[in-house]
């Protein structure tokens, strides 16, 4: 079993995710989000968007993945707080960065930021225990 460096200020390794149409559509459908702006380009554009875009449940799941990829399989998510920013459109790249903000025994909190070419897509915190 590996030892996790979980000191406050520890920087997590960056996670880069290409936002393919397949990823956006499949994750929207997997989360039972049938809103057309997540799978129909024409409808998304008719409503003022550049393209189809990532749904909130997928964004939250990817934020959790960012933390658990670093923390390991022993990590258990205890809470997540997300503020959405700009849309994450198909064809863009979503990059997650983060830093350990708090630690209390085996409970940690990571400040997470997910950015795309337009700016901050999601910012927030993920709290977990080991």
N, C-alpha and C. Protein backbone atom coordinates (compact mmCIF):
# COMPACT_ATOMS: atom_id res chain seq x y z
N UNK A 1 0.84 -1.18 0.00
CA UNK A 1 0.00 0.00 0.00
C UNK A 1 0.88 1.24 0.00
N UNK A 2 0.62 2.18 -0.91
CA UNK A 2 1.44 3.38 -1.01
C UNK A 2 1.06 4.40 0.06
N UNK A 3 2.00 5.27 0.37
CA UNK A 3 1.74 6.35 1.32
C UNK A 3 1.44 7.61 0.53
N UNK A 4 0.36 8.28 0.85
CA UNK A 4 -0.06 9.47 0.15
C UNK A 4 0.50 10.71 0.84
N UNK A 5 1.18 11.56 0.08
CA UNK A 5 1.64 12.85 0.60
C UNK A 5 0.44 13.78 0.56
N UNK A 6 -0.09 14.07 1.75
CA UNK A 6 -1.32 14.85 1.84
C UNK A 6 -1.14 16.11 2.67
N UNK A 7 0.04 16.69 2.65
CA UNK A 7 0.28 17.91 3.41
C UNK A 7 -0.43 19.08 2.74
N UNK A 8 -0.90 20.02 3.54
CA UNK A 8 -1.50 21.23 3.01
C UNK A 8 -0.49 21.89 2.07
N UNK A 9 -0.97 22.28 0.91
CA UNK A 9 -0.10 22.91 -0.09
C UNK A 9 0.39 21.94 -1.16
N UNK A 10 0.20 20.64 -0.95
CA UNK A 10 0.62 19.66 -1.95
C UNK A 10 -0.16 19.89 -3.24
N UNK A 11 0.57 19.95 -4.35
CA UNK A 11 -0.05 20.13 -5.67
C UNK A 11 -0.30 18.78 -6.31
N UNK A 12 -1.52 18.57 -6.77
CA UNK A 12 -1.87 17.32 -7.44
C UNK A 12 -1.39 17.35 -8.88
N UNK A 13 -1.08 16.18 -9.45
CA UNK A 13 -0.71 16.13 -10.87
C UNK A 13 -1.90 16.56 -11.74
N UNK A 14 -1.61 17.33 -12.76
CA UNK A 14 -2.62 17.82 -13.68
C UNK A 14 -3.33 16.65 -14.39
N UNK A 15 -4.62 16.82 -14.64
CA UNK A 15 -5.39 15.85 -15.41
C UNK A 15 -5.96 16.57 -16.63
N UNK A 16 -5.62 16.08 -17.82
CA UNK A 16 -6.05 16.70 -19.07
C UNK A 16 -7.03 15.75 -19.77
N UNK A 17 -8.22 16.26 -20.10
CA UNK A 17 -9.26 15.44 -20.70
C UNK A 17 -9.73 16.09 -22.01
N UNK A 18 -9.48 15.42 -23.14
CA UNK A 18 -10.03 15.91 -24.41
C UNK A 18 -11.55 15.77 -24.41
N UNK A 19 -12.25 16.84 -24.75
CA UNK A 19 -13.71 16.84 -24.72
C UNK A 19 -14.25 16.47 -26.10
N UNK A 20 -14.23 15.19 -26.38
CA UNK A 20 -14.73 14.70 -27.65
C UNK A 20 -16.25 14.70 -27.63
N UNK A 21 -16.88 14.79 -28.79
CA UNK A 21 -18.35 14.66 -28.81
C UNK A 21 -18.81 13.34 -28.18
N UNK A 22 -18.07 12.27 -28.40
CA UNK A 22 -18.43 10.98 -27.81
C UNK A 22 -18.45 11.06 -26.29
N UNK A 23 -17.44 11.68 -25.69
CA UNK A 23 -17.40 11.81 -24.23
C UNK A 23 -18.59 12.63 -23.74
N UNK A 24 -18.86 13.75 -24.37
CA UNK A 24 -19.94 14.63 -23.92
C UNK A 24 -21.30 13.95 -24.04
N UNK A 25 -21.54 13.31 -25.17
CA UNK A 25 -22.84 12.66 -25.40
C UNK A 25 -23.00 11.44 -24.50
N UNK A 26 -21.99 10.59 -24.45
CA UNK A 26 -22.13 9.35 -23.67
C UNK A 26 -22.27 9.61 -22.18
N UNK A 27 -21.56 10.60 -21.66
CA UNK A 27 -21.67 10.88 -20.22
C UNK A 27 -22.99 11.56 -19.89
N UNK A 28 -23.51 12.39 -20.80
CA UNK A 28 -24.84 12.97 -20.56
C UNK A 28 -25.89 11.86 -20.51
N UNK A 29 -25.82 10.95 -21.47
CA UNK A 29 -26.79 9.86 -21.49
C UNK A 29 -26.60 8.93 -20.29
N UNK A 30 -25.36 8.68 -19.90
CA UNK A 30 -25.09 7.81 -18.75
C UNK A 30 -25.66 8.39 -17.45
N UNK A 31 -25.73 9.71 -17.37
CA UNK A 31 -26.29 10.35 -16.18
C UNK A 31 -27.77 10.67 -16.35
N UNK A 32 -28.36 10.10 -17.41
CA UNK A 32 -29.79 10.25 -17.71
C UNK A 32 -30.18 11.71 -17.95
N UNK A 33 -29.25 12.48 -18.49
CA UNK A 33 -29.51 13.87 -18.85
C UNK A 33 -29.76 13.90 -20.35
N UNK A 34 -31.03 13.94 -20.72
CA UNK A 34 -31.41 13.88 -22.12
C UNK A 34 -31.64 15.27 -22.72
N UNK A 35 -31.20 16.30 -22.03
CA UNK A 35 -31.35 17.66 -22.54
C UNK A 35 -30.61 17.77 -23.87
N UNK A 36 -31.28 18.23 -24.92
CA UNK A 36 -30.69 18.21 -26.26
C UNK A 36 -29.37 18.98 -26.41
N UNK A 37 -29.14 20.01 -25.60
CA UNK A 37 -27.89 20.78 -25.75
C UNK A 37 -26.64 19.95 -25.45
N UNK A 38 -26.83 18.75 -24.89
CA UNK A 38 -25.69 17.88 -24.59
C UNK A 38 -25.46 16.82 -25.67
N UNK A 39 -26.36 16.76 -26.67
CA UNK A 39 -26.15 15.76 -27.72
C UNK A 39 -26.56 16.19 -29.12
N UNK A 40 -27.22 17.33 -29.26
CA UNK A 40 -27.69 17.77 -30.57
C UNK A 40 -27.07 19.14 -30.89
N UNK A 41 -26.10 19.14 -31.80
CA UNK A 41 -25.37 20.37 -32.13
C UNK A 41 -26.30 21.46 -32.64
N UNK A 42 -27.23 21.12 -33.51
CA UNK A 42 -28.14 22.13 -34.07
C UNK A 42 -28.99 22.80 -33.00
N UNK A 43 -29.50 22.02 -32.07
CA UNK A 43 -30.31 22.60 -30.99
C UNK A 43 -29.43 23.45 -30.07
N UNK A 44 -28.24 22.96 -29.76
CA UNK A 44 -27.33 23.73 -28.90
C UNK A 44 -27.02 25.09 -29.54
N UNK A 45 -26.74 25.10 -30.82
CA UNK A 45 -26.43 26.36 -31.52
C UNK A 45 -27.66 27.26 -31.62
N UNK A 46 -28.83 26.66 -31.82
CA UNK A 46 -30.07 27.45 -31.89
C UNK A 46 -30.35 28.14 -30.55
N UNK A 47 -29.83 27.57 -29.46
CA UNK A 47 -30.02 28.18 -28.14
C UNK A 47 -28.86 29.09 -27.74
N UNK A 48 -27.95 29.36 -28.69
CA UNK A 48 -26.88 30.34 -28.45
C UNK A 48 -25.54 29.76 -28.05
N UNK A 49 -25.40 28.45 -28.03
CA UNK A 49 -24.12 27.83 -27.67
C UNK A 49 -23.28 27.62 -28.92
N UNK A 50 -21.98 27.47 -28.72
CA UNK A 50 -21.07 27.20 -29.83
C UNK A 50 -21.22 25.77 -30.33
N UNK A 51 -21.53 24.87 -29.41
CA UNK A 51 -21.56 23.44 -29.71
C UNK A 51 -22.25 22.74 -28.55
N UNK A 52 -22.31 21.40 -28.58
CA UNK A 52 -22.78 20.65 -27.41
C UNK A 52 -21.77 20.86 -26.29
N UNK A 53 -22.21 20.70 -25.04
CA UNK A 53 -21.31 20.96 -23.91
C UNK A 53 -21.56 19.98 -22.78
N UNK A 54 -20.54 19.85 -21.94
CA UNK A 54 -20.54 18.93 -20.81
C UNK A 54 -21.66 19.27 -19.83
N UNK A 55 -22.30 18.25 -19.25
CA UNK A 55 -23.33 18.51 -18.25
C UNK A 55 -22.71 18.55 -16.85
N UNK A 56 -23.46 19.08 -15.91
CA UNK A 56 -22.95 19.30 -14.55
C UNK A 56 -22.58 17.99 -13.85
N UNK A 57 -23.37 16.94 -14.04
CA UNK A 57 -23.04 15.68 -13.36
C UNK A 57 -21.71 15.12 -13.84
N UNK A 58 -21.43 15.26 -15.12
CA UNK A 58 -20.15 14.80 -15.65
C UNK A 58 -19.02 15.65 -15.10
N UNK A 59 -19.20 16.96 -15.06
CA UNK A 59 -18.18 17.84 -14.49
C UNK A 59 -17.86 17.43 -13.06
N UNK A 60 -18.89 17.19 -12.27
CA UNK A 60 -18.67 16.81 -10.87
C UNK A 60 -17.96 15.45 -10.78
N UNK A 61 -18.37 14.51 -11.60
CA UNK A 61 -17.72 13.21 -11.61
C UNK A 61 -16.25 13.30 -12.00
N UNK A 62 -15.95 14.15 -12.98
CA UNK A 62 -14.55 14.31 -13.39
C UNK A 62 -13.72 15.00 -12.31
N UNK A 63 -14.33 15.93 -11.58
CA UNK A 63 -13.62 16.55 -10.45
C UNK A 63 -13.29 15.51 -9.39
N UNK A 64 -14.25 14.64 -9.10
CA UNK A 64 -14.00 13.57 -8.13
C UNK A 64 -12.92 12.62 -8.65
N UNK A 65 -12.98 12.28 -9.92
CA UNK A 65 -11.96 11.41 -10.52
C UNK A 65 -10.57 12.03 -10.38
N UNK A 66 -10.47 13.33 -10.62
CA UNK A 66 -9.19 14.03 -10.50
C UNK A 66 -8.58 13.78 -9.12
N UNK A 67 -9.39 13.88 -8.09
CA UNK A 67 -8.90 13.69 -6.72
C UNK A 67 -8.62 12.22 -6.43
N UNK A 68 -9.52 11.33 -6.82
CA UNK A 68 -9.31 9.92 -6.50
C UNK A 68 -8.20 9.28 -7.33
N UNK A 69 -7.96 9.78 -8.53
CA UNK A 69 -6.80 9.28 -9.30
C UNK A 69 -5.51 9.55 -8.53
N UNK A 70 -5.46 10.69 -7.86
CA UNK A 70 -4.28 11.05 -7.06
C UNK A 70 -4.27 10.33 -5.71
N UNK A 71 -5.42 10.32 -5.04
CA UNK A 71 -5.49 9.78 -3.68
C UNK A 71 -5.44 8.26 -3.64
N UNK A 72 -5.90 7.61 -4.71
CA UNK A 72 -5.85 6.16 -4.76
C UNK A 72 -7.18 5.51 -4.45
N UNK A 73 -7.23 4.18 -4.60
CA UNK A 73 -8.49 3.45 -4.46
C UNK A 73 -9.04 3.42 -3.04
N UNK A 74 -8.22 3.78 -2.05
CA UNK A 74 -8.71 3.81 -0.67
C UNK A 74 -9.53 5.06 -0.38
N UNK A 75 -9.45 6.06 -1.26
CA UNK A 75 -10.13 7.34 -1.02
C UNK A 75 -11.64 7.18 -1.14
N UNK A 76 -12.34 7.80 -0.23
CA UNK A 76 -13.80 7.81 -0.23
C UNK A 76 -14.25 9.27 -0.25
N UNK A 77 -15.00 9.64 -1.27
CA UNK A 77 -15.47 11.02 -1.40
C UNK A 77 -16.49 11.30 -0.29
N UNK A 78 -16.27 12.38 0.44
CA UNK A 78 -17.15 12.78 1.54
C UNK A 78 -18.00 14.00 1.21
N UNK A 79 -17.56 14.77 0.21
CA UNK A 79 -18.32 15.95 -0.17
C UNK A 79 -17.69 16.65 -1.35
N UNK A 80 -18.52 17.35 -2.09
CA UNK A 80 -18.03 18.12 -3.24
C UNK A 80 -18.83 19.41 -3.31
N UNK A 81 -18.15 20.49 -3.62
CA UNK A 81 -18.76 21.80 -3.76
C UNK A 81 -18.23 22.38 -5.07
N UNK A 82 -19.13 22.64 -6.01
CA UNK A 82 -18.72 23.07 -7.35
C UNK A 82 -19.43 24.36 -7.74
N UNK A 83 -18.67 25.27 -8.33
CA UNK A 83 -19.24 26.47 -8.94
C UNK A 83 -18.91 26.40 -10.42
N UNK A 84 -19.95 26.41 -11.25
CA UNK A 84 -19.74 26.36 -12.70
C UNK A 84 -19.38 27.73 -13.23
N UNK A 85 -18.54 27.71 -14.27
CA UNK A 85 -18.16 28.94 -14.96
C UNK A 85 -18.56 28.84 -16.42
N UNK A 86 -17.58 28.96 -17.30
CA UNK A 86 -17.84 28.93 -18.74
C UNK A 86 -18.16 27.50 -19.19
N UNK A 87 -18.87 27.36 -20.31
CA UNK A 87 -19.18 26.03 -20.82
C UNK A 87 -17.93 25.28 -21.27
N UNK A 88 -18.01 23.96 -21.22
CA UNK A 88 -16.94 23.08 -21.71
C UNK A 88 -17.47 22.43 -22.99
N UNK A 89 -17.12 23.03 -24.12
CA UNK A 89 -17.64 22.62 -25.42
C UNK A 89 -16.87 21.45 -26.02
N UNK A 90 -17.56 20.69 -26.87
CA UNK A 90 -16.93 19.62 -27.64
C UNK A 90 -15.78 20.22 -28.46
N UNK A 91 -14.68 19.47 -28.53
CA UNK A 91 -13.51 19.91 -29.28
C UNK A 91 -12.50 20.65 -28.43
N UNK A 92 -12.86 21.02 -27.23
CA UNK A 92 -11.95 21.72 -26.32
C UNK A 92 -11.24 20.69 -25.45
N UNK A 93 -10.43 21.16 -24.54
CA UNK A 93 -9.72 20.31 -23.58
C UNK A 93 -10.01 20.85 -22.19
N UNK A 94 -10.34 19.94 -21.27
CA UNK A 94 -10.60 20.30 -19.88
C UNK A 94 -9.40 19.88 -19.05
N UNK A 95 -8.79 20.83 -18.36
CA UNK A 95 -7.60 20.56 -17.56
C UNK A 95 -7.89 20.85 -16.10
N UNK A 96 -7.68 19.82 -15.27
CA UNK A 96 -7.88 19.96 -13.84
C UNK A 96 -6.55 20.17 -13.13
N UNK A 97 -6.54 21.12 -12.20
CA UNK A 97 -5.41 21.36 -11.31
C UNK A 97 -5.97 21.44 -9.90
N UNK A 98 -5.09 21.22 -8.92
CA UNK A 98 -5.58 21.29 -7.56
C UNK A 98 -4.47 21.26 -6.53
N UNK A 99 -4.84 21.67 -5.34
CA UNK A 99 -3.92 21.74 -4.21
C UNK A 99 -4.64 21.31 -2.95
N UNK A 100 -3.94 20.58 -2.09
CA UNK A 100 -4.51 20.20 -0.80
C UNK A 100 -4.68 21.48 0.02
N UNK A 101 -5.92 21.75 0.40
CA UNK A 101 -6.23 22.97 1.14
C UNK A 101 -6.34 22.74 2.64
N UNK A 102 -6.81 21.55 3.03
CA UNK A 102 -6.98 21.23 4.44
C UNK A 102 -6.68 19.76 4.67
N UNK A 103 -6.24 19.48 5.90
CA UNK A 103 -6.06 18.10 6.31
C UNK A 103 -6.36 18.00 7.79
N UNK A 104 -7.16 16.99 8.14
CA UNK A 104 -7.48 16.71 9.53
C UNK A 104 -7.45 15.18 9.67
N UNK A 105 -6.30 14.65 10.09
CA UNK A 105 -6.14 13.20 10.19
C UNK A 105 -6.19 12.58 8.81
N UNK A 106 -7.15 11.66 8.62
CA UNK A 106 -7.26 11.00 7.31
C UNK A 106 -8.29 11.66 6.40
N UNK A 107 -8.74 12.86 6.79
CA UNK A 107 -9.69 13.62 5.97
C UNK A 107 -8.94 14.76 5.29
N UNK A 108 -9.11 14.88 3.98
CA UNK A 108 -8.46 15.94 3.23
C UNK A 108 -9.45 16.70 2.38
N UNK A 109 -9.10 17.95 2.08
CA UNK A 109 -9.89 18.78 1.18
C UNK A 109 -8.96 19.33 0.12
N UNK A 110 -9.35 19.17 -1.13
CA UNK A 110 -8.56 19.66 -2.25
C UNK A 110 -9.33 20.78 -2.94
N UNK A 111 -8.65 21.91 -3.15
CA UNK A 111 -9.19 22.98 -4.00
C UNK A 111 -8.95 22.56 -5.44
N UNK A 112 -10.00 22.54 -6.25
CA UNK A 112 -9.91 22.06 -7.63
C UNK A 112 -10.35 23.15 -8.58
N UNK A 113 -9.65 23.22 -9.71
CA UNK A 113 -10.01 24.15 -10.78
C UNK A 113 -9.95 23.39 -12.10
N UNK A 114 -11.04 23.46 -12.85
CA UNK A 114 -11.10 22.87 -14.19
C UNK A 114 -11.21 23.99 -15.21
N UNK A 115 -10.26 24.04 -16.14
CA UNK A 115 -10.25 25.13 -17.11
C UNK A 115 -10.34 24.59 -18.54
N UNK A 116 -10.94 25.40 -19.39
CA UNK A 116 -11.02 25.16 -20.83
C UNK A 116 -10.48 26.42 -21.51
N UNK A 117 -10.50 26.45 -22.82
CA UNK A 117 -9.92 27.59 -23.54
C UNK A 117 -10.63 28.91 -23.23
N UNK A 118 -11.89 28.87 -22.83
CA UNK A 118 -12.63 30.08 -22.50
C UNK A 118 -12.37 30.58 -21.08
N UNK A 119 -11.74 29.75 -20.24
CA UNK A 119 -11.47 30.14 -18.86
C UNK A 119 -11.87 29.05 -17.88
N UNK A 120 -12.26 29.49 -16.68
CA UNK A 120 -12.61 28.54 -15.62
C UNK A 120 -13.98 27.91 -15.91
N UNK A 121 -13.98 26.59 -16.09
CA UNK A 121 -15.24 25.86 -16.29
C UNK A 121 -15.86 25.49 -14.94
N UNK A 122 -15.03 25.05 -14.00
CA UNK A 122 -15.52 24.65 -12.69
C UNK A 122 -14.45 24.91 -11.63
N UNK A 123 -14.88 25.45 -10.51
CA UNK A 123 -13.99 25.61 -9.36
C UNK A 123 -14.73 25.08 -8.15
N UNK A 124 -13.98 24.57 -7.20
CA UNK A 124 -14.63 24.06 -6.01
C UNK A 124 -13.69 23.27 -5.14
N UNK A 125 -14.31 22.49 -4.25
CA UNK A 125 -13.54 21.66 -3.33
C UNK A 125 -14.08 20.23 -3.36
N UNK A 126 -13.17 19.30 -3.14
CA UNK A 126 -13.54 17.90 -2.98
C UNK A 126 -12.97 17.45 -1.65
N UNK A 127 -13.85 16.94 -0.77
CA UNK A 127 -13.43 16.45 0.54
C UNK A 127 -13.47 14.93 0.50
N UNK A 128 -12.45 14.29 1.05
CA UNK A 128 -12.36 12.84 1.00
C UNK A 128 -11.69 12.32 2.26
N UNK A 129 -11.84 11.01 2.47
CA UNK A 129 -11.13 10.36 3.57
C UNK A 129 -10.39 9.17 3.02
N UNK A 130 -9.37 8.75 3.76
CA UNK A 130 -8.59 7.56 3.38
C UNK A 130 -8.89 6.43 4.32
